[in-house]
Amino acid sequence: GFLKGNKPDFHVAMPPQKAKPFYESLLDKF
């Protein structure tokens, strides 16, 4: 999250539909 004024912006974070399988693959690696 980056602040734009006083409001956080999360546009550089991986979007949920892509992040969920990626995160699950990270868990598998661990």
Full PDB file with SEQRES, HELIX, SHEET, SSBOND, CRYST1, ORIGX, SCALE, CONECT and MASTER records, all heavy atoms in Angstrom:
SEQRES   1 A   30  GLY PHE LEU LYS GLY ASN LYS PRO ASP PHE HIS VAL ALA          
SEQRES   2 A   30  MET PRO PRO GLN LYS ALA LYS PRO PHE TYR GLU SER LEU          
SEQRES   3 A   30  LEU ASP LYS PHE                                              
HELIX    1 AA1 PRO A   16  LYS A   29  1                                  14    
SHEET    1 AA1 2 PHE A   2  LYS A   4  0                                        
SHEET    2 AA1 2 LYS A   7  ASP A   9 -1                                        
CRYST1    1.000    1.000    1.000  90.00  90.00  90.00 P 1           1          
ORIGX1      1.000000  0.000000  0.000000        0.00000                         
ORIGX2      0.000000  1.000000  0.000000        0.00000                         
ORIGX3      0.000000  0.000000  1.000000        0.00000                         
SCALE1      1.000000  0.000000  0.000000        0.00000                         
SCALE2      0.000000  1.000000  0.000000        0.00000                         
SCALE3      0.000000  0.000000  1.000000        0.00000                         
ATOM      1  N   GLY A   1       0.829  -1.198   0.000  1.00  0.00           N  
ATOM      2  CA  GLY A   1       0.000   0.000   0.000  1.00  0.00           C  
ATOM      3  C   GLY A   1       0.867   1.254   0.000  1.00  0.00           C  
ATOM      4  O   GLY A   1       1.883   1.312   0.685  1.00  0.00           O  
ATOM      5  N   PHE A   2       0.482   2.238  -0.812  1.00  0.00           N  
ATOM      6  CA  PHE A   2       1.158   3.527  -0.835  1.00  0.00           C  
ATOM      7  C   PHE A   2       0.121   4.607  -0.575  1.00  0.00           C  
ATOM      8  O   PHE A   2      -1.018   4.508  -1.033  1.00  0.00           O  
ATOM      9  CB  PHE A   2       1.837   3.777  -2.183  1.00  0.00           C  
ATOM     10  CG  PHE A   2       2.846   2.732  -2.545  1.00  0.00           C  
ATOM     11  CD1 PHE A   2       2.558   1.761  -3.489  1.00  0.00           C  
ATOM     12  CD2 PHE A   2       4.077   2.710  -1.927  1.00  0.00           C  
ATOM     13  CE1 PHE A   2       3.483   0.791  -3.824  1.00  0.00           C  
ATOM     14  CE2 PHE A   2       5.014   1.744  -2.250  1.00  0.00           C  
ATOM     15  CZ  PHE A   2       4.719   0.778  -3.193  1.00  0.00           C  
ATOM     16  N   LEU A   3       0.510   5.619   0.157  1.00  0.00           N  
ATOM     17  CA  LEU A   3      -0.431   6.682   0.475  1.00  0.00           C  
ATOM     18  C   LEU A   3      -0.538   7.685  -0.661  1.00  0.00           C  
ATOM     19  O   LEU A   3       0.469   8.178  -1.170  1.00  0.00           O  
ATOM     20  CB  LEU A   3      -0.005   7.402   1.755  1.00  0.00           C  
ATOM     21  CG  LEU A   3      -0.219   6.647   3.066  1.00  0.00           C  
ATOM     22  CD1 LEU A   3       0.296   7.485   4.228  1.00  0.00           C  
ATOM     23  CD2 LEU A   3      -1.686   6.298   3.266  1.00  0.00           C  
ATOM     24  N   LYS A   4      -1.774   7.967  -1.047  1.00  0.00           N  
ATOM     25  CA  LYS A   4      -2.073   9.069  -1.962  1.00  0.00           C  
ATOM     26  C   LYS A   4      -2.830  10.091  -1.129  1.00  0.00           C  
ATOM     27  O   LYS A   4      -4.025   9.955  -0.902  1.00  0.00           O  
ATOM     28  CB  LYS A   4      -2.916   8.586  -3.138  1.00  0.00           C  
ATOM     29  CG  LYS A   4      -2.130   7.800  -4.169  1.00  0.00           C  
ATOM     30  CD  LYS A   4      -2.958   7.545  -5.415  1.00  0.00           C  
ATOM     31  CE  LYS A   4      -2.115   6.889  -6.509  1.00  0.00           C  
ATOM     32  NZ  LYS A   4      -2.913   6.651  -7.731  1.00  0.00           N  
ATOM     33  N   GLY A   5      -2.096  11.071  -0.643  1.00  0.00           N  
ATOM     34  CA  GLY A   5      -2.665  11.954   0.365  1.00  0.00           C  
ATOM     35  C   GLY A   5      -2.722  11.169   1.665  1.00  0.00           C  
ATOM     36  O   GLY A   5      -1.707  10.741   2.192  1.00  0.00           O  
ATOM     37  N   ASN A   6      -3.923  10.927   2.163  1.00  0.00           N  
ATOM     38  CA  ASN A   6      -4.093  10.124   3.373  1.00  0.00           C  
ATOM     39  C   ASN A   6      -4.765   8.787   3.097  1.00  0.00           C  
ATOM     40  O   ASN A   6      -5.026   8.022   4.024  1.00  0.00           O  
ATOM     41  CB  ASN A   6      -4.933  10.904   4.405  1.00  0.00           C  
ATOM     42  CG  ASN A   6      -4.196  12.103   4.948  1.00  0.00           C  
ATOM     43  OD1 ASN A   6      -3.001  12.030   5.243  1.00  0.00           O  
ATOM     44  ND2 ASN A   6      -4.888  13.227   5.075  1.00  0.00           N  
ATOM     45  N   LYS A   7      -5.023   8.503   1.822  1.00  0.00           N  
ATOM     46  CA  LYS A   7      -5.725   7.274   1.453  1.00  0.00           C  
ATOM     47  C   LYS A   7      -4.745   6.249   0.881  1.00  0.00           C  
ATOM     48  O   LYS A   7      -3.958   6.561  -0.008  1.00  0.00           O  
ATOM     49  CB  LYS A   7      -6.816   7.577   0.420  1.00  0.00           C  
ATOM     50  CG  LYS A   7      -7.657   6.366   0.044  1.00  0.00           C  
ATOM     51  CD  LYS A   7      -8.748   6.738  -0.948  1.00  0.00           C  
ATOM     52  CE  LYS A   7      -9.580   5.529  -1.321  1.00  0.00           C  
ATOM     53  NZ  LYS A   7     -10.640   5.871  -2.301  1.00  0.00           N  
ATOM     54  N   PRO A   8      -4.795   5.002   1.381  1.00  0.00           N  
ATOM     55  CA  PRO A   8      -3.887   3.983   0.841  1.00  0.00           C  
ATOM     56  C   PRO A   8      -4.308   3.520  -0.547  1.00  0.00           C  
ATOM     57  O   PRO A   8      -5.495   3.447  -0.858  1.00  0.00           O  
ATOM     58  CB  PRO A   8      -3.998   2.837   1.857  1.00  0.00           C  
ATOM     59  CG  PRO A   8      -5.336   3.016   2.489  1.00  0.00           C  
ATOM     60  CD  PRO A   8      -5.594   4.497   2.513  1.00  0.00           C  
ATOM     61  N   ASP A   9      -3.311   3.241  -1.366  1.00  0.00           N  
ATOM     62  CA  ASP A   9      -3.529   2.750  -2.727  1.00  0.00           C  
ATOM     63  C   ASP A   9      -2.788   1.424  -2.871  1.00  0.00           C  
ATOM     64  O   ASP A   9      -1.628   1.316  -2.503  1.00  0.00           O  
ATOM     65  CB  ASP A   9      -2.994   3.774  -3.730  1.00  0.00           C  
ATOM     66  CG  ASP A   9      -3.215   3.351  -5.168  1.00  0.00           C  
ATOM     67  OD1 ASP A   9      -2.512   2.422  -5.620  1.00  0.00           O  
ATOM     68  OD2 ASP A   9      -4.063   3.942  -5.851  1.00  0.00           O  
ATOM     69  N   PHE A  10      -3.469   0.403  -3.408  1.00  0.00           N  
ATOM     70  CA  PHE A  10      -2.887  -0.933  -3.484  1.00  0.00           C  
ATOM     71  C   PHE A  10      -2.743  -1.435  -4.914  1.00  0.00           C  
ATOM     72  O   PHE A  10      -2.710  -2.639  -5.155  1.00  0.00           O  
ATOM     73  CB  PHE A  10      -3.752  -1.920  -2.685  1.00  0.00           C  
ATOM     74  CG  PHE A  10      -4.018  -1.503  -1.270  1.00  0.00           C  
ATOM     75  CD1 PHE A  10      -5.281  -1.077  -0.890  1.00  0.00           C  
ATOM     76  CD2 PHE A  10      -3.016  -1.514  -0.318  1.00  0.00           C  
ATOM     77  CE1 PHE A  10      -5.542  -0.680   0.418  1.00  0.00           C  
ATOM     78  CE2 PHE A  10      -3.252  -1.128   0.989  1.00  0.00           C  
ATOM     79  CZ  PHE A  10      -4.515  -0.703   1.359  1.00  0.00           C  
ATOM     80  N   HIS A  11      -2.628  -0.528  -5.878  1.00  0.00           N  
ATOM     81  CA  HIS A  11      -2.690  -0.945  -7.280  1.00  0.00           C  
ATOM     82  C   HIS A  11      -1.497  -1.788  -7.716  1.00  0.00           C  
ATOM     83  O   HIS A  11      -1.583  -2.508  -8.714  1.00  0.00           O  
ATOM     84  CB  HIS A  11      -2.836   0.275  -8.195  1.00  0.00           C  
ATOM     85  CG  HIS A  11      -1.585   1.068  -8.378  1.00  0.00           C  
ATOM     86  ND1 HIS A  11      -1.161   2.023  -7.473  1.00  0.00           N  
ATOM     87  CD2 HIS A  11      -0.640   1.030  -9.358  1.00  0.00           C  
ATOM     88  CE1 HIS A  11      -0.022   2.543  -7.896  1.00  0.00           C  
ATOM     89  NE2 HIS A  11       0.315   1.963  -9.026  1.00  0.00           N  
ATOM     90  N   VAL A  12      -0.372  -1.725  -6.995  1.00  0.00           N  
ATOM     91  CA  VAL A  12       0.785  -2.530  -7.407  1.00  0.00           C  
ATOM     92  C   VAL A  12       0.745  -3.942  -6.814  1.00  0.00           C  
ATOM     93  O   VAL A  12       1.551  -4.799  -7.189  1.00  0.00           O  
ATOM     94  CB  VAL A  12       2.120  -1.855  -7.031  1.00  0.00           C  
ATOM     95  CG1 VAL A  12       2.253  -0.507  -7.708  1.00  0.00           C  
ATOM     96  CG2 VAL A  12       2.280  -1.731  -5.532  1.00  0.00           C  
ATOM     97  N   ALA A  13      -0.179  -4.187  -5.892  1.00  0.00           N  
ATOM     98  CA  ALA A  13      -0.309  -5.531  -5.334  1.00  0.00           C  
ATOM     99  C   ALA A  13      -0.922  -6.469  -6.377  1.00  0.00           C  
ATOM    100  O   ALA A  13      -1.693  -6.050  -7.241  1.00  0.00           O  
ATOM    101  CB  ALA A  13      -1.185  -5.504  -4.088  1.00  0.00           C  
ATOM    102  N   MET A  14      -0.550  -7.734  -6.300  1.00  0.00           N  
ATOM    103  CA  MET A  14      -1.091  -8.714  -7.230  1.00  0.00           C  
ATOM    104  C   MET A  14      -2.607  -8.838  -7.028  1.00  0.00           C  
ATOM    105  O   MET A  14      -3.069  -8.985  -5.903  1.00  0.00           O  
ATOM    106  CB  MET A  14      -0.426 -10.079  -7.004  1.00  0.00           C  
ATOM    107  CG  MET A  14      -0.765 -11.126  -8.047  1.00  0.00           C  
ATOM    108  SD  MET A  14       0.121 -12.706  -7.766  1.00  0.00           S  
ATOM    109  CE  MET A  14       1.808 -12.235  -8.176  1.00  0.00           C  
ATOM    110  N   PRO A  15      -3.417  -8.770  -8.109  1.00  0.00           N  
ATOM    111  CA  PRO A  15      -4.873  -8.861  -7.968  1.00  0.00           C  
ATOM    112  C   PRO A  15      -5.303 -10.224  -7.419  1.00  0.00           C  
ATOM    113  O   PRO A  15      -4.629 -11.232  -7.644  1.00  0.00           O  
ATOM    114  CB  PRO A  15      -5.394  -8.640  -9.397  1.00  0.00           C  
ATOM    115  CG  PRO A  15      -4.229  -8.926 -10.277  1.00  0.00           C  
ATOM    116  CD  PRO A  15      -3.004  -8.569  -9.512  1.00  0.00           C  
ATOM    117  N   PRO A  16      -6.412 -10.275  -6.680  1.00  0.00           N  
ATOM    118  CA  PRO A  16      -6.835 -11.492  -5.968  1.00  0.00           C  
ATOM    119  C   PRO A  16      -6.931 -12.739  -6.846  1.00  0.00           C  
ATOM    120  O   PRO A  16      -6.505 -13.824  -6.434  1.00  0.00           O  
ATOM    121  CB  PRO A  16      -8.202 -11.112  -5.407  1.00  0.00           C  
ATOM    122  CG  PRO A  16      -8.163  -9.636  -5.286  1.00  0.00           C  
ATOM    123  CD  PRO A  16      -7.327  -9.149  -6.422  1.00  0.00           C  
ATOM    124  N   GLN A  17      -7.492 -12.617  -8.047  1.00  0.00           N  
ATOM    125  CA  GLN A  17      -7.686 -13.794  -8.898  1.00  0.00           C  
ATOM    126  C   GLN A  17      -6.358 -14.418  -9.326  1.00  0.00           C  
ATOM    127  O   GLN A  17      -6.272 -15.623  -9.583  1.00  0.00           O  
ATOM    128  CB  GLN A  17      -8.535 -13.453 -10.135  1.00  0.00           C  
ATOM    129  CG  GLN A  17      -7.928 -12.441 -11.089  1.00  0.00           C  
ATOM    130  CD  GLN A  17      -8.208 -11.001 -10.709  1.00  0.00           C  
ATOM    131  OE1 GLN A  17      -8.584 -10.702  -9.579  1.00  0.00           O  
ATOM    132  NE2 GLN A  17      -8.041 -10.091 -11.668  1.00  0.00           N  
ATOM    133  N   LYS A  18      -5.327 -13.616  -9.392  1.00  0.00           N  
ATOM    134  CA  LYS A  18      -3.995 -14.104  -9.725  1.00  0.00           C  
ATOM    135  C   LYS A  18      -3.216 -14.467  -8.456  1.00  0.00           C  
ATOM    136  O   LYS A  18      -2.420 -15.419  -8.447  1.00  0.00           O  
ATOM    137  CB  LYS A  18      -3.249 -13.021 -10.510  1.00  0.00           C  
ATOM    138  CG  LYS A  18      -1.832 -13.382 -10.913  1.00  0.00           C  
ATOM    139  CD  LYS A  18      -1.181 -12.209 -11.654  1.00  0.00           C  
ATOM    140  CE  LYS A  18       0.284 -12.474 -11.964  1.00  0.00           C  
ATOM    141  NZ  LYS A  18       0.930 -11.305 -12.610  1.00  0.00           N  
ATOM    142  N   ALA A  19      -3.448 -13.710  -7.385  1.00  0.00           N  
ATOM    143  CA  ALA A  19      -2.674 -13.884  -6.151  1.00  0.00           C  
ATOM    144  C   ALA A  19      -3.020 -15.180  -5.420  1.00  0.00           C  
ATOM    145  O   ALA A  19      -2.133 -15.804  -4.832  1.00  0.00           O  
ATOM    146  CB  ALA A  19      -2.915 -12.695  -5.224  1.00  0.00           C  
ATOM    147  N   LYS A  20      -4.274 -15.603  -5.460  1.00  0.00           N  
ATOM    148  CA  LYS A  20      -4.659 -16.794  -4.693  1.00  0.00           C  
ATOM    149  C   LYS A  20      -3.903 -18.046  -5.138  1.00  0.00           C  
ATOM    150  O   LYS A  20      -3.283 -18.719  -4.304  1.00  0.00           O  
ATOM    151  CB  LYS A  20      -6.169 -17.024  -4.774  1.00  0.00           C  
ATOM    152  CG  LYS A  20      -6.635 -18.189  -3.892  1.00  0.00           C  
ATOM    153  CD  LYS A  20      -8.147 -18.308  -3.885  1.00  0.00           C  
ATOM    154  CE  LYS A  20      -8.568 -19.446  -2.963  1.00  0.00           C  
ATOM    155  NZ  LYS A  20     -10.052 -19.583  -2.905  1.00  0.00           N  
ATOM    156  N   PRO A  21      -3.905 -18.415  -6.438  1.00  0.00           N  
ATOM    157  CA  PRO A  21      -3.131 -19.596  -6.839  1.00  0.00           C  
ATOM    158  C   PRO A  21      -1.629 -19.415  -6.643  1.00  0.00           C  
ATOM    159  O   PRO A  21      -0.917 -20.373  -6.333  1.00  0.00           O  
ATOM    160  CB  PRO A  21      -3.483 -19.772  -8.322  1.00  0.00           C  
ATOM    161  CG  PRO A  21      -4.004 -18.455  -8.773  1.00  0.00           C  
ATOM    162  CD  PRO A  21      -4.653 -17.850  -7.582  1.00  0.00           C  
ATOM    163  N   PHE A  22      -1.148 -18.184  -6.810  1.00  0.00           N  
ATOM    164  CA  PHE A  22       0.284 -17.931  -6.616  1.00  0.00           C  
ATOM    165  C   PHE A  22       0.660 -18.137  -5.151  1.00  0.00           C  
ATOM    166  O   PHE A  22       1.689 -18.752  -4.836  1.00  0.00           O  
ATOM    167  CB  PHE A  22       0.637 -16.517  -7.065  1.00  0.00           C  
ATOM    168  CG  PHE A  22       2.112 -16.261  -7.175  1.00  0.00           C  
ATOM    169  CD1 PHE A  22       2.773 -16.419  -8.384  1.00  0.00           C  
ATOM    170  CD2 PHE A  22       2.854 -15.866  -6.072  1.00  0.00           C  
ATOM    171  CE1 PHE A  22       4.136 -16.201  -8.498  1.00  0.00           C  
ATOM    172  CE2 PHE A  22       4.218 -15.646  -6.173  1.00  0.00           C  
ATOM    173  CZ  PHE A  22       4.859 -15.808  -7.392  1.00  0.00           C  
ATOM    174  N   TYR A  23      -0.170 -17.639  -4.251  1.00  0.00           N  
ATOM    175  CA  TYR A  23       0.085 -17.794  -2.820  1.00  0.00           C  
ATOM    176  C   TYR A  23       0.019 -19.269  -2.417  1.00  0.00           C  
ATOM    177  O   TYR A  23       0.832 -19.741  -1.618  1.00  0.00           O  
ATOM    178  CB  TYR A  23      -0.932 -16.975  -2.028  1.00  0.00           C  
ATOM    179  CG  TYR A  23      -0.831 -17.140  -0.529  1.00  0.00           C  
ATOM    180  CD1 TYR A  23       0.257 -16.637   0.175  1.00  0.00           C  
ATOM    181  CD2 TYR A  23      -1.817 -17.823   0.178  1.00  0.00           C  
ATOM    182  CE1 TYR A  23       0.353 -16.795   1.547  1.00  0.00           C  
ATOM    183  CE2 TYR A  23      -1.723 -17.989   1.551  1.00  0.00           C  
ATOM    184  CZ  TYR A  23      -0.638 -17.472   2.225  1.00  0.00           C  
ATOM    185  OH  TYR A  23      -0.541 -17.642   3.593  1.00  0.00           O  
ATOM    186  N   GLU A  24      -0.920 -19.999  -2.995  1.00  0.00           N  
ATOM    187  CA  GLU A  24      -1.019 -21.437  -2.694  1.00  0.00           C  
ATOM    188  C   GLU A  24       0.218 -22.185  -3.169  1.00  0.00           C  
ATOM    189  O   GLU A  24       0.682 -23.128  -2.509  1.00  0.00           O  
ATOM    190  CB  GLU A  24      -2.284 -22.008  -3.340  1.00  0.00           C  
ATOM    191  CG  GLU A  24      -3.564 -21.526  -2.665  1.00  0.00           C  
ATOM    192  CD  GLU A  24      -4.819 -21.968  -3.396  1.00  0.00           C  
ATOM    193  OE1 GLU A  24      -4.697 -22.482  -4.536  1.00  0.00           O  
ATOM    194  OE2 GLU A  24      -5.922 -21.790  -2.848  1.00  0.00           O  
ATOM    195  N   SER A  25       0.785 -21.764  -4.300  1.00  0.00           N  
ATOM    196  CA  SER A  25       2.016 -22.397  -4.771  1.00  0.00           C  
ATOM    197  C   SER A  25       3.182 -22.061  -3.852  1.00  0.00           C  
ATOM    198  O   SER A  25       4.100 -22.872  -3.657  1.00  0.00           O  
ATOM    199  CB  SER A  25       2.328 -21.970  -6.213  1.00  0.00           C  
ATOM    200  OG  SER A  25       2.736 -20.612  -6.277  1.00  0.00           O  
ATOM    201  N   LEU A  26       3.163 -20.869  -3.254  1.00  0.00           N  
ATOM    202  CA  LEU A  26       4.192 -20.494  -2.285  1.00  0.00           C  
ATOM    203  C   LEU A  26       4.104 -21.382  -1.048  1.00  0.00           C  
ATOM    204  O   LEU A  26       5.122 -21.853  -0.526  1.00  0.00           O  
ATOM    205  CB  LEU A  26       4.038 -19.021  -1.896  1.00  0.00           C  
ATOM    206  CG  LEU A  26       4.996 -18.495  -0.825  1.00  0.00           C  
ATOM    207  CD1 LEU A  26       6.431 -18.508  -1.333  1.00  0.00           C  
ATOM    208  CD2 LEU A  26       4.587 -17.092  -0.378  1.00  0.00           C  
ATOM    209  N   LEU A  27       2.893 -21.640  -0.586  1.00  0.00           N  
ATOM    210  CA  LEU A  27       2.694 -22.537   0.553  1.00  0.00           C  
ATOM    211  C   LEU A  27       3.247 -23.927   0.246  1.00  0.00           C  
ATOM    212  O   LEU A  27       3.893 -24.554   1.101  1.00  0.00           O  
ATOM    213  CB  LEU A  27       1.210 -22.639   0.896  1.00  0.00           C  
ATOM    214  CG  LEU A  27       0.553 -21.424   1.570  1.00  0.00           C  
ATOM    215  CD1 LEU A  27      -0.952 -21.626   1.654  1.00  0.00           C  
ATOM    216  CD2 LEU A  27       1.132 -21.199   2.964  1.00  0.00           C  
ATOM    217  N   ASP A  28       3.005 -24.398  -0.967  1.00  0.00           N  
ATOM    218  CA  ASP A  28       3.515 -25.719  -1.364  1.00  0.00           C  
ATOM    219  C   ASP A  28       5.042 -25.754  -1.324  1.00  0.00           C  
ATOM    220  O   ASP A  28       5.638 -26.761  -0.926  1.00  0.00           O  
ATOM    221  CB  ASP A  28       3.020 -26.079  -2.763  1.00  0.00           C  
ATOM    222  CG  ASP A  28       1.537 -26.435  -2.786  1.00  0.00           C  
ATOM    223  OD1 ASP A  28       1.004 -26.786  -1.714  1.00  0.00           O  
ATOM    224  OD2 ASP A  28       0.920 -26.348  -3.862  1.00  0.00           O  
ATOM    225  N   LYS A  29       5.666 -24.659  -1.739  1.00  0.00           N  
ATOM    226  CA  LYS A  29       7.124 -24.595  -1.700  1.00  0.00           C  
ATOM    227  C   LYS A  29       7.630 -24.739  -0.266  1.00  0.00           C  
ATOM    228  O   LYS A  29       8.604 -25.454   0.007  1.00  0.00           O  
ATOM    229  CB  LYS A  29       7.621 -23.277  -2.304  1.00  0.00           C  
ATOM    230  CG  LYS A  29       7.446 -23.147  -3.810  1.00  0.00           C  
ATOM    231  CD  LYS A  29       7.971 -21.814  -4.303  1.00  0.00           C  
ATOM    232  CE  LYS A  29       7.673 -21.605  -5.776  1.00  0.00           C  
ATOM    233  NZ  LYS A  29       8.373 -22.571  -6.635  1.00  0.00           N  
ATOM    234  N   PHE A  30       6.981 -24.055   0.655  1.00  0.00           N  
ATOM    235  CA  PHE A  30       7.380 -24.139   2.058  1.00  0.00           C  
ATOM    236  C   PHE A  30       7.196 -25.559   2.595  1.00  0.00           C  
ATOM    237  O   PHE A  30       8.062 -26.085   3.302  1.00  0.00           O  
ATOM    238  CB  PHE A  30       6.570 -23.155   2.900  1.00  0.00           C  
ATOM    239  CG  PHE A  30       7.173 -21.780   3.000  1.00  0.00           C  
ATOM    240  CD1 PHE A  30       6.896 -20.813   2.051  1.00  0.00           C  
ATOM    241  CD2 PHE A  30       8.023 -21.453   4.048  1.00  0.00           C  
ATOM    242  CE1 PHE A  30       7.453 -19.544   2.135  1.00  0.00           C  
ATOM    243  CE2 PHE A  30       8.585 -20.191   4.151  1.00  0.00           C  
ATOM    244  CZ  PHE A  30       8.302 -19.233   3.189  1.00  0.00           C  
TER     245      PHE A  30                                                      
MASTER        0    0    0    1    2    0    0    6  244    1    0    3          
END                                                                             
